[in-house]
Amino acid sequence: MTDTYLIKYGEIFLKGKNRFIFEDALVNRITEAVEKVEGEFRVHKYLSRIYVECKSDYDEEELIAAIKKVFGVLAICPVLVLEDKGFDDLKEQIVKYVADTYPDVNFTFKMLCKRARKNYPLNSQEMNCSLGEVLLDTYPGLKVDVHKPDVLITVEVREKIYVYSKSIPGPGGMPVGTAGKAMVLLSGGLDSPVAAYMISKRGVKIDAVYFHAPPYTSERAKEKVVDLAKIVSEYTGSIKLHVINFTEIQMAIYQKCPPDELTIIMRRYMMRIAEIIAKESNCLGLVTGESIGQVASQTMQSLMCTNEVCTLPVYRPLIAFDKQDIVDIAEKINTYETSILPYEDCCTIFVAEHPVTKPVLGVIEMHEHNLDDCIDEMLKKALDEREIIEI
C-alpha cells in the first residue's frame, strides 16, 4: 500500500494563465473528499502536479473511492517516492518496485522517464534504455512493447523521484464551482439526477427544487428525492433542496385548463417558480433532465413552450440521450435503484390520458389566463411556505 498518490487532471491543462485557479479548486475538492475518510492526509500542488500524501494508517479502497467521485480527476496513480541517491540506487529500486507491484512478472512494458530536473546526470532517453535493460536482465518474462504495452512504467525526476505504473480512472470533467451555479429541477425519476450529475461534471455548482403534491404524492416520494439528492451530492458537494408544495397550483390548472394541456402548463409554472428561486440563489441557469421526444412534454414544440417563460438559460445535459444512455449513467452513479422505487411524483400523478404533443404557444398562453384570478397568490404562497433541506 502506497503513501502517496499522484492525481492527474485533463482539461485543466488547457486553461493557460488561469490554470492555477482550476488546480486550486481541484485541490480543495479533493481535500473535502478525503476529509470523509478515516486517516490523516495532505493534499497539495507542486509544479503542475497534485499529490495526496497519507500521513497515517488508512483504508486504501475507501480513499480511492472518495477521490474517484471528485470531478476534475482524470486518474489516480499510486506512487513510489524515492530520494535521489544516484542512478545505481534507482535501478535497484525499479527492480524492487516491479517485484512488489506485480506478483507475476510476465508482461510487455515500456519505460517512460521524464527529467524535469535538467541537472540529472542522464537524459530521459538514456534513463529509458538503462532502466529498461536492467528490468529485462532481471525478469525473463518481460518484453518491450513501445506501442501497446501491458504496463507503462513512468519515472519522473523532480526534487525527488516518482515511480508509478498503475492508473485508476477518475470521473474527468472540471472541478465543481469553477463554472458558476445552476438550479436543477429534481424529481424522483431517472433523468433529473443524471442531469444534475452531468452538469456538475462540467464544474457547475448546483442547488435543486422539488415539486411535491400531497396528498397525491406521499411523504415517501419526497424522501426518495432527498435520497437521490444525497447520492448526487457525493459527486457535486452540498446541495440546498427547495421543496415546493405544488398541490394547490396543480389543482387549479386541473380545474381551469384543458386536460390535454395540463402537463405543459404545469411545467411552465414549475419553470417560473424554479427561476425565481434560482435568481434568489444567484444561479446562472436552470437544469432539467429532458430529452427530445422522450415524452409528450419533451417534444421540440413542448420544450419551446416551457422555455418561453424563462429569462435564465435552461440547460438540458441529456437532450440527445437515449433512455438506455441515461440508465447506464444512473447505474454507474448509483441512483438507478432509488429512482425506480414505486413512489409517484407530481408530474406522473396529473398526466393527461392524451397530452398534446405539438402545443401552440398562443393557445397555451390564452388558456393560462383562466388562472389570472388566483395564480399570483398561489405562487407567492408556494414560495413563502417552501421547505429548504440542506444536503
Protein backbone atom coordinates (compact mmCIF):
# COMPACT_ATOMS: atom_id res chain seq x y z
CA MET A 1 0.00 0.00 0.00
CA THR A 2 1.46 3.33 -1.07
CA ASP A 3 1.88 6.50 0.98
CA THR A 4 1.43 8.87 -1.98
CA TYR A 5 -0.98 9.23 -4.88
CA LEU A 6 -0.45 11.34 -7.97
CA ILE A 7 -3.68 12.93 -9.17
CA LYS A 8 -3.81 13.50 -12.91
CA TYR A 9 -6.15 16.01 -14.50
CA GLY A 10 -7.16 16.61 -18.12
CA GLU A 11 -8.81 19.75 -19.48
CA ILE A 12 -7.28 21.94 -16.78
CA PHE A 13 -4.05 21.83 -18.78
CA LEU A 14 -5.81 23.91 -21.47
CA LYS A 15 -6.58 26.85 -19.18
CA GLY A 16 -3.40 28.79 -19.84
CA LYS A 17 -2.64 31.53 -17.34
CA ASN A 18 -5.83 30.74 -15.42
CA ARG A 19 -4.82 27.15 -14.83
CA PHE A 20 -3.83 27.76 -11.21
CA ILE A 21 -7.44 28.73 -10.41
CA PHE A 22 -8.70 25.34 -11.57
CA GLU A 23 -5.81 23.48 -9.92
CA ASP A 24 -6.51 25.18 -6.60
CA ALA A 25 -10.21 24.35 -6.93
CA LEU A 26 -9.35 20.71 -7.59
CA VAL A 27 -7.05 20.61 -4.56
CA ASN A 28 -9.91 21.98 -2.44
CA ARG A 29 -12.43 19.46 -3.80
CA ILE A 30 -10.04 16.54 -3.17
CA THR A 31 -9.33 17.83 0.33
CA GLU A 32 -13.08 17.90 1.06
CA ALA A 33 -13.42 14.35 -0.28
CA VAL A 34 -10.58 12.82 1.77
CA GLU A 35 -11.78 14.52 4.96
CA LYS A 36 -14.58 11.93 4.95
CA VAL A 37 -12.02 9.08 5.03
CA GLU A 38 -10.57 7.91 8.31
CA GLY A 39 -6.92 8.88 8.49
CA GLU A 40 -4.67 11.90 8.07
CA PHE A 41 -3.98 13.17 4.54
CA ARG A 42 -2.22 16.10 2.93
CA VAL A 43 -3.38 17.28 -0.48
CA HIS A 44 -1.00 19.68 -2.17
CA LYS A 45 0.11 21.04 -5.52
CA TYR A 46 3.71 21.08 -6.69
CA LEU A 47 4.92 22.09 -10.15
CA SER A 48 1.70 21.28 -12.03
CA ARG A 49 1.23 18.04 -10.10
CA ILE A 50 -1.32 17.30 -7.39
CA TYR A 51 -0.43 14.77 -4.71
CA VAL A 52 -2.32 13.11 -1.88
CA GLU A 53 0.08 12.11 0.90
CA CYS A 54 -1.11 9.63 3.51
CA LYS A 55 0.21 10.55 6.96
CA SER A 56 -1.38 7.70 8.94
CA ASP A 57 -2.99 4.29 8.52
CA TYR A 58 -5.94 4.35 6.13
CA ASP A 59 -8.27 2.18 4.07
CA GLU A 60 -6.95 2.22 0.51
CA GLU A 61 -10.25 1.25 -1.14
CA GLU A 62 -12.14 3.89 0.83
CA LEU A 63 -9.65 6.60 -0.08
CA ILE A 64 -9.65 5.76 -3.79
CA ALA A 65 -13.46 5.55 -3.82
CA ALA A 66 -13.65 9.05 -2.33
CA ILE A 67 -11.23 10.58 -4.83
CA LYS A 68 -12.98 8.84 -7.75
CA LYS A 69 -16.06 10.98 -7.04
CA VAL A 70 -14.19 14.26 -7.48
CA PHE A 71 -14.87 15.91 -10.83
CA GLY A 72 -11.66 17.08 -12.47
CA VAL A 73 -9.71 13.94 -11.53
CA LEU A 74 -8.65 12.13 -14.67
CA ALA A 75 -6.66 9.35 -12.98
CA ILE A 76 -5.30 8.29 -9.59
CA CYS A 77 -1.79 6.83 -9.63
CA PRO A 78 -0.24 5.10 -6.59
CA VAL A 79 3.31 6.45 -6.47
CA LEU A 80 6.61 5.25 -5.02
CA VAL A 81 8.53 8.33 -3.85
CA LEU A 82 12.33 7.97 -3.71
CA GLU A 83 15.14 10.16 -2.52
CA ASP A 84 17.79 10.72 -5.19
CA LYS A 85 20.68 8.50 -4.08
CA GLY A 86 22.22 8.11 -7.52
CA PHE A 87 21.29 6.19 -10.64
CA ASP A 88 22.57 2.82 -9.40
CA ASP A 89 20.22 3.06 -6.43
CA LEU A 90 17.35 3.98 -8.79
CA LYS A 91 17.99 0.83 -10.84
CA GLU A 92 17.79 -1.29 -7.68
CA GLN A 93 14.59 0.45 -6.62
CA ILE A 94 12.96 -0.09 -10.03
CA VAL A 95 13.73 -3.82 -9.87
CA LYS A 96 12.21 -3.99 -6.38
CA TYR A 97 9.22 -1.88 -7.41
CA VAL A 98 8.27 -4.26 -10.22
CA ALA A 99 8.58 -7.30 -7.93
CA ASP A 100 6.48 -5.64 -5.19
CA THR A 101 3.81 -4.37 -7.58
CA TYR A 102 3.38 -7.38 -9.88
CA PRO A 103 3.34 -10.90 -8.38
CA ASP A 104 3.59 -12.39 -11.88
CA VAL A 105 6.28 -10.51 -13.79
CA ASN A 106 5.26 -11.78 -17.20
CA PHE A 107 4.03 -8.95 -19.42
CA THR A 108 5.05 -6.38 -22.01
CA PHE A 109 6.21 -2.99 -20.77
CA LYS A 110 7.52 0.39 -21.77
CA MET A 111 9.68 2.78 -19.77
CA LEU A 112 8.67 6.45 -19.78
CA CYS A 113 11.21 8.64 -18.00
CA LYS A 114 10.68 12.37 -17.56
CA ARG A 115 13.54 14.54 -16.40
CA ALA A 116 12.08 17.76 -15.04
CA ARG A 117 15.33 18.42 -13.16
CA LYS A 118 17.74 19.06 -16.01
CA ASN A 119 20.91 18.72 -13.88
CA TYR A 120 20.24 15.00 -13.51
CA PRO A 121 23.28 13.16 -15.00
CA LEU A 122 21.28 11.14 -17.57
CA ASN A 123 18.75 12.46 -20.03
CA SER A 124 15.29 10.90 -20.45
CA GLN A 125 16.22 8.58 -23.31
CA GLU A 126 19.34 7.33 -21.52
CA MET A 127 17.23 6.57 -18.45
CA ASN A 128 14.67 4.71 -20.57
CA CYS A 129 17.35 2.49 -22.06
CA SER A 130 19.26 1.80 -18.84
CA LEU A 131 16.23 1.10 -16.65
CA GLY A 132 14.56 -1.00 -19.33
CA GLU A 133 17.75 -3.01 -19.75
CA VAL A 134 18.11 -3.81 -16.05
CA LEU A 135 14.47 -4.98 -15.91
CA LEU A 136 14.93 -7.22 -18.97
CA ASP A 137 18.09 -8.70 -17.43
CA THR A 138 16.33 -9.35 -14.10
CA TYR A 139 12.97 -10.69 -15.28
CA PRO A 140 12.96 -13.15 -18.24
CA GLY A 141 9.16 -12.84 -18.53
CA LEU A 142 9.33 -9.17 -19.52
CA LYS A 143 9.22 -7.97 -23.12
CA VAL A 144 9.38 -4.45 -24.51
CA ASP A 145 6.41 -3.10 -26.47
CA VAL A 146 6.65 0.63 -27.12
CA HIS A 147 3.30 0.83 -28.94
CA LYS A 148 0.76 -1.08 -26.82
CA PRO A 149 2.48 -2.22 -23.61
CA ASP A 150 0.61 -4.07 -20.90
CA VAL A 151 2.36 -1.87 -18.34
CA LEU A 152 3.72 1.67 -18.72
CA ILE A 153 6.34 2.31 -16.02
CA THR A 154 6.78 6.04 -15.50
CA VAL A 155 9.72 7.63 -13.71
CA GLU A 156 9.64 11.37 -13.03
CA VAL A 157 12.80 13.08 -11.79
CA ARG A 158 11.83 16.16 -9.83
CA GLU A 159 13.01 17.31 -6.41
CA LYS A 160 12.51 13.63 -5.60
CA ILE A 161 11.98 10.67 -7.91
CA TYR A 162 8.43 9.44 -8.51
CA VAL A 163 7.74 5.95 -9.86
CA TYR A 164 4.30 4.71 -10.89
CA SER A 165 2.70 2.29 -13.33
CA LYS A 166 -0.92 1.86 -12.26
CA SER A 167 -3.60 4.35 -13.24
CA ILE A 168 -7.09 4.21 -11.71
CA PRO A 169 -9.62 6.15 -13.84
CA GLY A 170 -11.38 9.13 -12.30
CA PRO A 171 -14.60 10.79 -13.48
CA GLY A 172 -12.89 13.52 -15.52
CA GLY A 173 -14.65 16.82 -16.08
CA MET A 174 -13.95 20.06 -14.24
CA PRO A 175 -13.83 20.86 -10.50
CA VAL A 176 -17.25 21.76 -9.09
CA GLY A 177 -17.62 25.50 -8.56
CA THR A 178 -15.39 26.65 -11.41
CA ALA A 179 -18.26 27.24 -13.85
CA GLY A 180 -20.88 29.07 -11.81
CA LYS A 181 -24.09 27.80 -10.21
CA ALA A 182 -27.39 26.42 -11.52
CA MET A 183 -30.77 25.29 -10.18
CA VAL A 184 -31.79 21.71 -11.01
CA LEU A 185 -35.46 20.74 -11.26
CA LEU A 186 -35.12 17.46 -9.38
CA SER A 187 -37.78 14.75 -9.44
CA GLY A 188 -37.84 11.15 -8.31
CA GLY A 189 -37.29 9.80 -11.82
CA LEU A 190 -34.23 8.52 -13.63
CA ASP A 191 -33.42 11.59 -15.67
CA SER A 192 -33.01 14.61 -13.42
CA PRO A 193 -30.43 13.08 -11.02
CA VAL A 194 -28.34 12.11 -14.06
CA ALA A 195 -28.72 15.64 -15.45
CA ALA A 196 -27.55 17.03 -12.10
CA TYR A 197 -24.50 14.76 -12.24
CA MET A 198 -23.72 15.69 -15.84
CA ILE A 199 -23.95 19.47 -15.35
CA SER A 200 -21.82 19.24 -12.20
CA LYS A 201 -19.21 17.31 -14.13
CA ARG A 202 -18.66 20.48 -16.15
CA GLY A 203 -17.79 22.38 -12.98
CA VAL A 204 -21.25 23.75 -12.16
CA LYS A 205 -22.28 24.05 -8.50
CA ILE A 206 -25.93 23.03 -8.08
CA ASP A 207 -28.92 23.56 -5.85
CA ALA A 208 -32.25 21.88 -6.54
CA VAL A 209 -36.01 22.38 -6.41
CA TYR A 210 -38.54 19.58 -5.98
CA PHE A 211 -42.30 19.92 -6.55
CA HIS A 212 -44.32 17.94 -4.01
CA ALA A 213 -48.08 17.35 -4.27
CA PRO A 214 -49.52 15.98 -1.02
CA PRO A 215 -51.76 14.07 -0.51
CA TYR A 216 -51.50 12.85 -4.12
CA THR A 217 -47.81 12.14 -3.59
CA SER A 218 -46.70 10.50 -0.36
CA GLU A 219 -44.10 11.61 2.14
CA ARG A 220 -42.08 8.66 0.92
CA ALA A 221 -41.96 10.23 -2.55
CA LYS A 222 -40.28 13.28 -1.00
CA GLU A 223 -37.89 11.05 0.96
CA LYS A 224 -36.98 9.35 -2.32
CA VAL A 225 -35.96 12.69 -3.84
CA VAL A 226 -33.97 13.55 -0.71
CA ASP A 227 -32.21 10.18 -1.01
CA LEU A 228 -31.40 10.89 -4.65
CA ALA A 229 -30.04 14.32 -3.74
CA LYS A 230 -27.81 12.70 -1.11
CA ILE A 231 -26.38 10.27 -3.68
CA VAL A 232 -25.79 13.02 -6.22
CA SER A 233 -24.17 15.23 -3.54
CA GLU A 234 -21.39 12.66 -3.16
CA TYR A 235 -20.19 13.97 -6.54
CA THR A 236 -21.46 17.55 -6.52
CA GLY A 237 -20.87 18.63 -2.94
CA SER A 238 -23.56 20.13 -0.71
CA ILE A 239 -27.00 20.80 -2.21
CA LYS A 240 -29.73 23.10 -0.94
CA LEU A 241 -33.01 21.36 -1.83
CA HIS A 242 -36.09 23.60 -2.06
CA VAL A 243 -39.32 21.61 -1.62
CA ILE A 244 -42.37 23.35 -3.10
CA ASN A 245 -45.92 22.32 -2.22
CA PHE A 246 -47.42 22.33 -5.71
CA THR A 247 -50.83 20.77 -4.96
CA GLU A 248 -52.91 23.94 -4.96
CA ILE A 249 -51.42 25.17 -8.24
CA GLN A 250 -51.86 21.77 -9.89
CA MET A 251 -55.49 21.54 -8.81
CA ALA A 252 -56.19 24.99 -10.21
CA ILE A 253 -54.62 24.02 -13.54
CA TYR A 254 -56.57 20.74 -13.49
CA GLN A 255 -59.87 22.55 -12.92
CA LYS A 256 -59.44 25.56 -15.21
CA CYS A 257 -57.30 24.44 -18.16
CA PRO A 258 -57.88 21.91 -20.99
CA PRO A 259 -56.96 18.34 -19.96
CA ASP A 260 -54.54 17.78 -22.85
CA GLU A 261 -52.55 20.89 -21.87
CA LEU A 262 -52.20 20.08 -18.16
CA THR A 263 -48.60 18.87 -18.36
CA ILE A 264 -47.33 21.80 -20.47
CA ILE A 265 -48.99 24.44 -18.29
CA MET A 266 -47.83 22.67 -15.15
CA ARG A 267 -44.26 22.59 -16.47
CA ARG A 268 -44.42 26.30 -17.31
CA TYR A 269 -45.34 27.15 -13.73
CA MET A 270 -42.64 24.87 -12.40
CA MET A 271 -40.12 26.74 -14.55
CA ARG A 272 -41.41 30.08 -13.31
CA ILE A 273 -41.05 29.04 -9.68
CA ALA A 274 -37.65 27.44 -10.22
CA GLU A 275 -36.39 30.61 -11.91
CA ILE A 276 -37.50 32.80 -9.00
CA ILE A 277 -35.60 30.58 -6.58
CA ALA A 278 -32.62 30.41 -8.95
CA LYS A 279 -32.34 34.18 -9.09
CA GLU A 280 -32.58 34.40 -5.29
CA SER A 281 -29.72 31.88 -5.10
CA ASN A 282 -27.50 33.69 -7.66
CA CYS A 283 -27.82 30.84 -10.16
CA LEU A 284 -26.94 31.41 -13.80
CA GLY A 285 -29.46 28.97 -15.26
CA LEU A 286 -31.94 26.13 -14.80
CA VAL A 287 -31.16 22.45 -15.39
CA THR A 288 -33.68 19.77 -16.37
CA GLY A 289 -33.46 16.10 -17.29
CA GLU A 290 -35.44 16.47 -20.52
CA SER A 291 -34.55 14.55 -23.68
CA ILE A 292 -36.11 15.33 -27.07
CA GLY A 293 -39.15 13.20 -27.77
CA GLN A 294 -38.93 11.05 -24.64
CA VAL A 295 -42.48 12.00 -23.54
CA ALA A 296 -45.18 14.37 -24.79
CA SER A 297 -43.87 17.30 -22.74
CA GLN A 298 -40.42 16.89 -24.30
CA THR A 299 -41.16 17.34 -27.98
CA MET A 300 -39.48 20.32 -29.66
CA GLN A 301 -42.77 22.23 -29.59
CA SER A 302 -43.34 21.45 -25.90
CA LEU A 303 -39.81 22.44 -24.91
CA MET A 304 -40.21 25.72 -26.78
CA CYS A 305 -43.40 26.44 -24.83
CA THR A 306 -41.80 25.72 -21.46
CA ASN A 307 -38.66 27.70 -22.33
CA GLU A 308 -40.72 30.75 -23.20
CA VAL A 309 -41.49 31.60 -19.55
CA CYS A 310 -37.79 31.73 -18.60
CA THR A 311 -35.34 34.61 -18.80
CA LEU A 312 -32.46 32.48 -17.49
CA PRO A 313 -30.86 29.88 -19.79
CA VAL A 314 -32.24 26.35 -19.49
CA TYR A 315 -29.55 23.66 -19.68
CA ARG A 316 -30.54 20.13 -20.70
CA PRO A 317 -27.48 17.85 -20.44
CA LEU A 318 -29.49 14.80 -21.60
CA ILE A 319 -31.17 16.45 -24.58
CA ALA A 320 -29.84 13.92 -27.16
CA PHE A 321 -29.54 10.87 -24.89
CA ASP A 322 -31.42 7.64 -25.48
CA LYS A 323 -33.14 6.20 -22.41
CA GLN A 324 -30.56 3.41 -22.20
CA ASP A 325 -27.78 6.02 -22.14
CA ILE A 326 -29.45 7.60 -19.12
CA VAL A 327 -30.00 4.23 -17.41
CA ASP A 328 -26.32 3.35 -17.90
CA ILE A 329 -25.17 6.53 -16.15
CA ALA A 330 -27.78 6.12 -13.39
CA GLU A 331 -26.42 2.66 -12.69
CA LYS A 332 -22.84 3.96 -12.70
CA ILE A 333 -23.55 6.74 -10.18
CA ASN A 334 -25.82 4.55 -8.03
CA THR A 335 -29.08 6.48 -8.48
CA TYR A 336 -30.85 3.83 -10.57
CA GLU A 337 -32.19 1.61 -7.77
CA THR A 338 -33.55 4.61 -5.88
CA SER A 339 -35.08 6.20 -8.99
CA ILE A 340 -37.11 3.10 -9.86
CA LEU A 341 -38.73 2.83 -6.43
CA PRO A 342 -42.53 2.92 -6.95
CA TYR A 343 -43.30 6.31 -5.39
CA GLU A 344 -45.06 8.61 -7.86
CA ASP A 345 -44.14 12.28 -8.23
CA CYS A 346 -46.49 15.10 -9.11
CA CYS A 347 -45.64 15.01 -12.82
CA THR A 348 -46.90 11.45 -13.25
CA ILE A 349 -49.95 11.79 -10.99
CA PHE A 350 -51.54 14.59 -13.03
CA VAL A 351 -50.60 13.47 -16.56
CA ALA A 352 -53.42 13.61 -19.12
CA GLU A 353 -54.60 10.47 -20.91
CA HIS A 354 -53.89 12.10 -24.30
CA PRO A 355 -51.49 15.01 -23.73
CA VAL A 356 -50.85 17.47 -26.54
CA THR A 357 -47.56 16.77 -28.30
CA LYS A 358 -47.43 19.88 -30.52
CA PRO A 359 -48.70 22.70 -28.32
CA VAL A 360 -49.18 26.16 -29.83
CA LEU A 361 -47.72 28.88 -27.61
CA GLY A 362 -50.51 31.37 -28.23
CA VAL A 363 -53.17 28.81 -27.30
CA ILE A 364 -51.30 27.81 -24.15
CA GLU A 365 -50.97 31.46 -23.08
CA MET A 366 -54.67 32.05 -23.75
CA HIS A 367 -55.69 29.14 -21.52
CA GLU A 368 -53.29 30.24 -18.78
CA HIS A 369 -55.40 33.41 -18.44
CA ASN A 370 -58.04 31.15 -16.85
CA LEU A 371 -55.78 31.22 -13.79
CA ASP A 372 -55.43 35.00 -13.57
CA ASP A 373 -57.77 35.36 -10.61
CA CYS A 374 -55.75 33.06 -8.33
CA ILE A 375 -52.32 32.14 -9.65
CA ASP A 376 -50.26 35.06 -8.27
CA GLU A 377 -51.42 34.42 -4.73
CA MET A 378 -50.81 30.68 -5.12
CA LEU A 379 -47.27 31.24 -6.43
CA LYS A 380 -46.46 33.56 -3.54
CA LYS A 381 -47.84 31.08 -1.02
CA ALA A 382 -45.90 28.17 -2.54
CA LEU A 383 -42.64 30.15 -2.35
CA ASP A 384 -43.27 31.52 1.14
CA GLU A 385 -44.11 28.09 2.56
CA ARG A 386 -41.34 26.13 0.84
CA GLU A 387 -39.19 23.75 2.86
CA ILE A 388 -35.42 24.04 2.48
CA ILE A 389 -33.35 20.93 3.17
CA GLU A 390 -29.56 21.16 3.44
CA ILE A 391 -27.91 18.09 1.92
